[in-house]
């Protein structure tokens, strides 16, 4: 098949933009593979899940069905940490997924060292692949652990970051692309706040005095999450808006 034929088939299945991205990143696909990709597009599969890559904060990450695709909203979280200009911080990333947050921070903050934790073995394999691909395997350690365990890690950090599951179960506003992400990375009990309750309670064991925690939140969750953390003894510092002017990140210290 010629590249033009591939482009036309993919365009009919998923539109010009999807066809252009795929044809720019897939070389000499077979007829069978083109048919499989076209079928995936018709089913609403995100392009990142088809080509297994997604750009985030200027870096190209490997991704697959076992990880949440990096999203522009989460770049607000990375930018909030960098804006505080920390000096050679030790950073803990809770629910690391692809590793996009911790890797982006270590690549952009001089002297930073990181630990990423995730409960999913499959996600851990993805994160470790990205560490190797992006040249930071000597600066970041990836571990399997549950952030509902107060003894998840046995060291303390200057900075904790997390984009935890925060979508309420049954929320019908989830976009088509998110339906192809692992449910464990998306949904939380108690209207989407259960993971924040766990983090607020346990993260005090993992943070140094005057350390900061940076959290991504869903639209409209600021009041609930702020109350959870303040009730657990955290001090609210500030909120950050994403490019859509939605409050997307909350910052606390202890």
Protein backbone atom coordinates (compact mmCIF):
# COMPACT_ATOMS: atom_id res chain seq x y z
CA UNK A 1 0.00 0.00 0.00
CA UNK A 2 1.17 3.53 -0.72
CA UNK A 3 1.31 6.09 2.06
CA UNK A 4 -1.50 8.00 0.35
CA UNK A 5 -3.72 4.93 0.39
CA UNK A 6 -3.00 4.38 4.07
CA UNK A 7 -3.74 8.04 4.79
CA UNK A 8 -7.09 7.94 2.99
CA UNK A 9 -8.23 4.79 4.80
CA UNK A 10 -7.27 6.21 8.19
CA UNK A 11 -8.78 9.60 7.37
CA UNK A 12 -12.11 7.98 6.56
CA UNK A 13 -11.95 6.08 9.84
CA UNK A 14 -10.78 8.80 12.22
CA UNK A 15 -10.31 12.14 10.51
CA UNK A 16 -7.42 14.06 8.97
CA UNK A 17 -5.53 14.79 12.20
CA UNK A 18 -5.53 11.16 13.35
CA UNK A 19 -4.50 9.96 9.90
CA UNK A 20 -1.65 12.45 9.72
CA UNK A 21 -0.26 11.56 13.17
CA UNK A 22 -0.41 7.82 12.49
CA UNK A 23 1.14 7.99 9.03
CA UNK A 24 3.92 10.23 10.37
CA UNK A 25 4.77 7.66 13.04
CA UNK A 26 4.10 4.27 11.45
CA UNK A 27 6.41 3.15 8.65
CA UNK A 28 5.33 0.67 5.93
CA UNK A 29 2.30 -0.84 7.70
CA UNK A 30 0.78 -4.01 6.24
CA UNK A 31 -2.79 -4.11 4.94
CA UNK A 32 -3.80 -6.05 8.03
CA UNK A 33 -2.29 -3.49 10.36
CA UNK A 34 -3.95 -0.62 8.51
CA UNK A 35 -7.29 -2.43 8.78
CA UNK A 36 -6.75 -2.98 12.51
CA UNK A 37 -5.85 0.67 13.06
CA UNK A 38 -8.85 1.88 11.05
CA UNK A 39 -11.18 -0.33 13.07
CA UNK A 40 -9.67 1.00 16.30
CA UNK A 41 -10.22 4.59 15.17
CA UNK A 42 -13.87 3.87 14.37
CA UNK A 43 -14.27 2.51 17.88
CA UNK A 44 -12.92 5.73 19.37
CA UNK A 45 -9.50 4.42 20.37
CA UNK A 46 -7.15 7.37 20.98
CA UNK A 47 -4.30 7.73 18.51
CA UNK A 48 -1.79 7.40 21.36
CA UNK A 49 -3.11 3.92 22.10
CA UNK A 50 -2.64 2.97 18.44
CA UNK A 51 0.89 4.28 17.94
CA UNK A 52 1.89 3.70 21.59
CA UNK A 53 3.33 7.11 22.15
CA UNK A 54 2.27 10.47 23.54
CA UNK A 55 4.13 13.75 23.89
CA UNK A 56 4.07 15.36 27.32
CA UNK A 57 6.01 18.43 28.49
CA UNK A 58 8.19 18.24 25.40
CA UNK A 59 9.08 14.56 25.87
CA UNK A 60 7.88 11.48 23.98
CA UNK A 61 6.49 8.74 26.22
CA UNK A 62 5.64 5.14 25.47
CA UNK A 63 2.08 4.29 26.49
CA UNK A 64 -0.27 1.35 26.16
CA UNK A 65 -3.62 0.03 27.37
CA UNK A 66 -2.27 -0.48 30.89
CA UNK A 67 -1.54 3.20 31.51
CA UNK A 68 -3.37 6.49 31.50
CA UNK A 69 -2.32 8.48 28.45
CA UNK A 70 -0.47 11.66 29.50
CA UNK A 71 -2.75 14.67 29.11
CA UNK A 72 -2.10 18.41 28.74
CA UNK A 73 -4.06 19.07 31.97
CA UNK A 74 -1.35 17.27 33.91
CA UNK A 75 1.33 19.56 32.53
CA UNK A 76 -0.15 22.13 34.94
CA UNK A 77 1.03 19.91 37.81
CA UNK A 78 4.57 19.70 36.44
CA UNK A 79 4.69 23.44 35.77
CA UNK A 80 3.52 24.22 39.33
CA UNK A 81 6.43 22.28 40.83
CA UNK A 82 9.01 23.78 38.47
CA UNK A 83 7.69 27.30 39.16
CA UNK A 84 8.60 26.90 42.82
CA UNK A 85 12.23 26.43 41.77
CA UNK A 86 13.13 23.70 44.25
CA UNK A 87 16.82 23.01 44.85
CA UNK A 88 17.85 19.43 44.01
CA UNK A 89 14.67 17.96 45.49
CA UNK A 90 13.85 14.39 46.31
CA UNK A 91 10.44 13.76 44.71
CA UNK A 92 7.82 11.05 45.26
CA UNK A 93 5.29 10.41 42.48
CA UNK A 94 2.21 8.54 43.73
CA UNK A 95 0.47 6.53 41.01
CA UNK A 96 3.20 7.08 38.46
CA UNK A 97 1.62 5.31 35.45
CA UNK A 98 3.81 6.06 32.43
CA UNK A 99 6.17 7.98 34.68
CA UNK A 100 5.47 11.17 32.74
CA UNK A 101 5.25 13.42 35.82
CA UNK A 102 8.34 12.28 37.69
CA UNK A 103 10.41 12.01 34.50
CA UNK A 104 9.41 15.49 33.33
CA UNK A 105 10.32 16.93 36.74
CA UNK A 106 13.69 15.21 36.95
CA UNK A 107 14.52 16.25 33.37
CA UNK A 108 13.68 19.89 34.16
CA UNK A 109 14.92 20.40 37.74
CA UNK A 110 18.68 20.34 38.26
CA UNK A 111 19.78 17.72 40.77
CA UNK A 112 16.33 16.20 41.23
CA UNK A 113 15.99 12.56 42.24
CA UNK A 114 12.74 10.64 42.13
CA UNK A 115 10.77 7.62 43.24
CA UNK A 116 7.60 6.61 41.40
CA UNK A 117 5.12 4.12 42.87
CA UNK A 118 2.20 2.32 41.27
CA UNK A 119 0.03 -0.66 42.20
CA UNK A 120 -0.10 -1.95 38.62
CA UNK A 121 2.74 -4.25 37.55
CA UNK A 122 1.94 -3.50 33.91
CA UNK A 123 2.16 0.25 34.49
CA UNK A 124 5.47 -0.22 36.27
CA UNK A 125 6.89 -1.96 33.20
CA UNK A 126 5.79 1.00 31.07
CA UNK A 127 7.35 3.52 33.46
CA UNK A 128 10.63 1.63 33.56
CA UNK A 129 10.73 1.53 29.78
CA UNK A 130 10.27 5.31 29.69
CA UNK A 131 13.08 5.77 32.23
CA UNK A 132 15.42 3.93 29.89
CA UNK A 133 14.18 5.61 26.73
CA UNK A 134 14.54 9.09 28.22
CA UNK A 135 17.86 8.51 29.94
CA UNK A 136 16.88 8.94 33.61
CA UNK A 137 17.08 5.37 34.91
CA UNK A 138 19.93 6.43 37.19
CA UNK A 139 17.86 9.23 38.75
CA UNK A 140 14.46 7.60 39.27
CA UNK A 141 13.42 4.39 40.99
CA UNK A 142 10.06 2.75 40.24
CA UNK A 143 8.41 0.57 42.91
CA UNK A 144 5.19 -1.37 43.25
CA UNK A 145 3.14 -0.17 46.23
CA UNK A 146 -0.29 1.02 47.31
CA UNK A 147 -0.63 4.59 48.53
CA UNK A 148 -3.23 3.30 50.98
CA UNK A 149 -0.31 1.80 52.90
CA UNK A 150 1.34 4.23 55.36
CA UNK A 151 4.56 2.20 55.07
CA UNK A 152 4.60 2.37 51.28
CA UNK A 153 8.06 3.98 51.33
CA UNK A 154 10.66 4.23 54.08
CA UNK A 155 12.22 7.55 53.20
CA UNK A 156 11.03 11.14 53.26
CA UNK A 157 10.72 13.54 50.35
CA UNK A 158 10.89 17.28 49.72
CA UNK A 159 8.06 17.07 47.19
CA UNK A 160 5.17 14.69 46.65
CA UNK A 161 3.19 14.79 43.41
CA UNK A 162 0.15 12.82 42.38
CA UNK A 163 -2.45 12.59 39.66
CA UNK A 164 -4.59 10.00 41.44
CA UNK A 165 -7.85 8.43 40.29
CA UNK A 166 -10.47 11.13 40.91
CA UNK A 167 -13.46 10.43 38.65
CA UNK A 168 -16.63 9.41 40.46
CA UNK A 169 -17.86 5.96 39.53
CA UNK A 170 -20.75 6.28 37.09
CA UNK A 171 -19.77 9.78 35.95
CA UNK A 172 -21.17 10.08 32.42
CA UNK A 173 -18.95 13.03 31.51
CA UNK A 174 -15.94 10.80 30.82
CA UNK A 175 -14.75 11.36 27.25
CA UNK A 176 -14.49 8.57 24.70
CA UNK A 177 -10.71 8.44 24.89
CA UNK A 178 -10.72 7.85 28.65
CA UNK A 179 -12.83 4.74 28.14
CA UNK A 180 -9.70 3.13 26.70
CA UNK A 181 -7.62 3.91 29.81
CA UNK A 182 -7.40 1.47 32.73
CA UNK A 183 -10.28 1.96 35.15
CA UNK A 184 -7.96 1.69 38.14
CA UNK A 185 -6.25 4.90 37.01
CA UNK A 186 -9.49 6.82 36.59
CA UNK A 187 -12.17 5.99 39.14
CA UNK A 188 -12.41 6.43 42.89
CA UNK A 189 -15.11 5.86 45.48
CA UNK A 190 -16.95 8.53 47.49
CA UNK A 191 -17.59 10.76 44.51
CA UNK A 192 -13.98 10.54 43.36
CA UNK A 193 -12.40 11.66 46.66
CA UNK A 194 -11.44 8.34 48.27
CA UNK A 195 -7.86 8.43 46.98
CA UNK A 196 -7.36 11.96 48.33
CA UNK A 197 -8.46 10.76 51.76
CA UNK A 198 -5.86 7.99 51.62
CA UNK A 199 -3.10 10.32 50.47
CA UNK A 200 -3.96 13.04 53.02
CA UNK A 201 -3.75 10.50 55.84
CA UNK A 202 -0.63 8.62 54.75
CA UNK A 203 1.54 11.17 52.94
CA UNK A 204 2.52 12.77 56.24
CA UNK A 205 4.72 9.71 56.74
CA UNK A 206 6.59 10.36 53.50
CA UNK A 207 7.27 14.09 53.53
CA UNK A 208 10.02 16.15 55.12
CA UNK A 209 9.23 19.12 57.39
CA UNK A 210 8.07 22.04 55.23
CA UNK A 211 7.79 19.74 52.22
CA UNK A 212 5.04 20.32 49.69
CA UNK A 213 2.46 18.10 48.05
CA UNK A 214 1.07 18.92 44.60
CA UNK A 215 -2.18 17.25 43.55
CA UNK A 216 -4.08 17.17 40.30
CA UNK A 217 -7.84 17.38 40.87
CA UNK A 218 -10.96 17.12 38.75
CA UNK A 219 -13.18 20.04 37.76
CA UNK A 220 -15.16 21.29 40.76
CA UNK A 221 -13.26 19.22 43.34
CA UNK A 222 -11.29 22.01 45.01
CA UNK A 223 -13.56 22.53 48.01
CA UNK A 224 -13.85 18.81 48.79
CA UNK A 225 -10.14 18.06 48.42
CA UNK A 226 -9.11 21.18 50.34
CA UNK A 227 -11.35 20.16 53.22
CA UNK A 228 -9.94 16.62 53.25
CA UNK A 229 -6.35 17.82 53.46
CA UNK A 230 -6.95 20.61 55.95
CA UNK A 231 -8.84 18.19 58.18
CA UNK A 232 -5.81 15.90 58.07
CA UNK A 233 -3.52 18.70 59.22
CA UNK A 234 -2.20 20.01 55.91
CA UNK A 235 -1.91 23.74 55.19
CA UNK A 236 -3.33 25.00 51.89
CA UNK A 237 -0.86 27.10 49.90
CA UNK A 238 -2.42 27.80 46.50
CA UNK A 239 -4.41 26.56 43.51
CA UNK A 240 -3.31 26.48 39.86
CA UNK A 241 -5.55 26.78 36.79
CA UNK A 242 -5.07 24.77 33.61
CA UNK A 243 -5.25 26.24 30.11
CA UNK A 244 -9.04 25.90 30.19
CA UNK A 245 -9.09 28.11 33.32
CA UNK A 246 -10.21 25.16 35.46
CA UNK A 247 -8.64 24.76 38.90
CA UNK A 248 -6.47 21.71 38.23
CA UNK A 249 -3.75 21.64 40.90
CA UNK A 250 -3.77 22.19 44.66
CA UNK A 251 -0.61 22.71 46.70
CA UNK A 252 -0.30 21.97 50.44
CA UNK A 253 2.47 21.66 53.00
CA UNK A 254 2.62 20.07 56.41
